[in-house]
């Protein structure tokens, strides 16, 4: 009997027409303004350029998590088991999985008082979309 793997038992969803990753919202605590979300990143295919406007805590559950600067330079590789506390930052980045892809648990904290959690950007770093805790709640309850 084949063992079960997390990627096989989680219901993965696509976020609009954004490519190279899937997500699964595990829980949202509206009172605490906190969300736990699994992200599944494809190997070597960075997702849309974005910046984090809120605190994110990340645990790499499977694979390697690759972080790229806005200019495409690989700036960090996080191995399975790596835990990162990422403060809000104006610096945009893209991310993806390593050779076998990656699965990462994100804990996202809305410390923006109802503002945006993420700014989504085009290659010229123009904001083309945003994501707020209200957006996550709407997705989760739909």
Protein backbone atom coordinates (compact mmCIF):
# COMPACT_ATOMS: atom_id res chain seq x y z
CA UNK A 1 0.00 0.00 0.00
CA UNK A 2 1.34 3.43 -0.97
CA UNK A 3 1.81 5.74 2.01
CA UNK A 4 -0.23 8.93 2.05
CA UNK A 5 1.62 12.17 1.46
CA UNK A 6 0.43 15.60 2.47
CA UNK A 7 0.15 16.75 -1.14
CA UNK A 8 -2.25 13.85 -1.80
CA UNK A 9 -4.63 14.41 1.11
CA UNK A 10 -4.90 18.21 1.14
CA UNK A 11 -7.48 19.91 -1.07
CA UNK A 12 -5.39 22.35 -3.12
CA UNK A 13 -6.92 25.45 -4.70
CA UNK A 14 -5.74 27.87 -7.34
CA UNK A 15 -5.73 31.57 -6.51
CA UNK A 16 -7.40 33.26 -9.49
CA UNK A 17 -5.21 32.94 -12.55
CA UNK A 18 -1.92 33.11 -10.62
CA UNK A 19 0.43 30.34 -11.62
CA UNK A 20 3.00 28.03 -10.04
CA UNK A 21 1.42 27.52 -6.62
CA UNK A 22 -1.66 26.16 -4.90
CA UNK A 23 -3.01 26.88 -1.45
CA UNK A 24 -5.18 25.37 1.27
CA UNK A 25 -6.56 27.57 4.03
CA UNK A 26 -6.46 25.53 7.22
CA UNK A 27 -7.87 28.04 9.67
CA UNK A 28 -8.68 31.71 10.10
CA UNK A 29 -9.06 33.32 13.52
CA UNK A 30 -10.92 36.54 12.75
CA UNK A 31 -10.71 37.78 16.34
CA UNK A 32 -6.92 37.44 16.37
CA UNK A 33 -6.64 38.39 12.66
CA UNK A 34 -4.49 35.33 11.95
CA UNK A 35 -4.61 32.76 9.16
CA UNK A 36 -2.85 29.42 8.72
CA UNK A 37 -2.40 28.47 5.09
CA UNK A 38 -0.51 25.71 3.32
CA UNK A 39 1.22 26.73 0.10
CA UNK A 40 2.44 24.23 -2.46
CA UNK A 41 5.07 25.73 -4.77
CA UNK A 42 6.11 24.24 -8.10
CA UNK A 43 9.79 23.49 -8.66
CA UNK A 44 11.88 26.33 -10.08
CA UNK A 45 8.90 28.42 -11.26
CA UNK A 46 8.73 31.58 -9.14
CA UNK A 47 5.29 32.94 -8.35
CA UNK A 48 4.21 36.53 -8.93
CA UNK A 49 6.43 39.26 -7.52
CA UNK A 50 4.97 40.47 -4.22
CA UNK A 51 5.76 42.02 -0.87
CA UNK A 52 4.59 41.14 2.61
CA UNK A 53 2.89 43.98 4.48
CA UNK A 54 2.31 41.88 7.59
CA UNK A 55 4.09 39.43 9.83
CA UNK A 56 4.48 35.94 8.32
CA UNK A 57 5.81 32.88 10.12
CA UNK A 58 6.82 30.03 7.82
CA UNK A 59 7.67 26.37 8.34
CA UNK A 60 9.00 24.41 5.38
CA UNK A 61 7.27 21.03 5.61
CA UNK A 62 8.62 19.50 2.42
CA UNK A 63 11.27 20.41 -0.12
CA UNK A 64 13.26 23.60 -0.41
CA UNK A 65 11.81 27.12 -0.36
CA UNK A 66 13.64 29.41 -2.78
CA UNK A 67 13.42 33.20 -2.37
CA UNK A 68 14.31 35.55 -5.25
CA UNK A 69 14.96 39.30 -5.15
CA UNK A 70 12.95 41.48 -7.53
CA UNK A 71 15.82 41.34 -10.06
CA UNK A 72 15.61 37.53 -10.17
CA UNK A 73 18.68 36.87 -8.01
CA UNK A 74 18.31 33.84 -5.73
CA UNK A 75 18.73 35.33 -2.26
CA UNK A 76 17.87 32.47 0.08
CA UNK A 77 17.20 28.73 0.16
CA UNK A 78 15.27 27.34 3.13
CA UNK A 79 15.51 23.59 3.71
CA UNK A 80 12.82 21.25 5.02
CA UNK A 81 12.28 22.03 8.69
CA UNK A 82 13.35 25.65 8.39
CA UNK A 83 11.31 28.09 10.45
CA UNK A 84 11.35 31.76 9.50
CA UNK A 85 9.78 34.83 11.06
CA UNK A 86 9.39 37.34 8.24
CA UNK A 87 8.63 40.90 9.26
CA UNK A 88 6.76 43.23 6.88
CA UNK A 89 9.06 44.54 4.17
CA UNK A 90 8.93 47.02 1.31
CA UNK A 91 11.30 44.79 -0.67
CA UNK A 92 9.40 42.71 -3.23
CA UNK A 93 10.38 39.12 -3.90
CA UNK A 94 9.23 35.97 -5.67
CA UNK A 95 9.43 32.42 -4.38
CA UNK A 96 9.16 28.82 -5.53
CA UNK A 97 10.10 25.30 -4.61
CA UNK A 98 13.42 23.62 -5.27
CA UNK A 99 13.88 20.44 -7.33
CA UNK A 100 10.85 18.61 -5.91
CA UNK A 101 8.72 21.67 -5.22
CA UNK A 102 7.88 22.75 -1.69
CA UNK A 103 5.06 22.70 0.83
CA UNK A 104 5.13 25.47 3.41
CA UNK A 105 2.91 26.33 6.34
CA UNK A 106 2.36 30.09 6.59
CA UNK A 107 0.94 31.76 9.68
CA UNK A 108 -0.14 35.22 8.56
CA UNK A 109 -0.87 37.98 11.07
CA UNK A 110 -2.84 41.09 10.11
CA UNK A 111 -0.88 43.76 11.92
CA UNK A 112 -2.04 46.29 9.32
CA UNK A 113 -5.38 47.09 10.99
CA UNK A 114 -7.41 45.82 8.07
CA UNK A 115 -4.97 46.89 5.39
CA UNK A 116 -3.29 44.69 2.83
CA UNK A 117 -1.37 41.60 3.77
CA UNK A 118 0.32 41.34 0.37
CA UNK A 119 0.88 43.62 -2.61
CA UNK A 120 1.04 41.69 -5.89
CA UNK A 121 3.34 43.30 -8.46
CA UNK A 122 4.25 43.20 -12.11
CA UNK A 123 7.92 42.89 -13.17
CA UNK A 124 8.27 46.70 -13.03
CA UNK A 125 7.10 46.58 -9.39
CA UNK A 126 3.76 48.26 -10.06
CA UNK A 127 1.01 47.00 -7.76
CA UNK A 128 -1.46 44.94 -9.79
CA UNK A 129 -3.45 43.50 -6.89
CA UNK A 130 -3.67 43.20 -3.13
CA UNK A 131 -4.74 40.60 -0.63
CA UNK A 132 -6.26 41.42 2.77
CA UNK A 133 -7.46 39.36 5.72
CA UNK A 134 -11.03 40.17 4.58
CA UNK A 135 -10.20 38.58 1.22
CA UNK A 136 -8.90 35.45 2.96
CA UNK A 137 -12.01 35.24 5.14
CA UNK A 138 -14.24 35.56 2.04
CA UNK A 139 -12.32 32.78 0.28
CA UNK A 140 -12.39 30.55 3.36
CA UNK A 141 -16.13 30.93 3.97
CA UNK A 142 -17.14 30.58 0.30
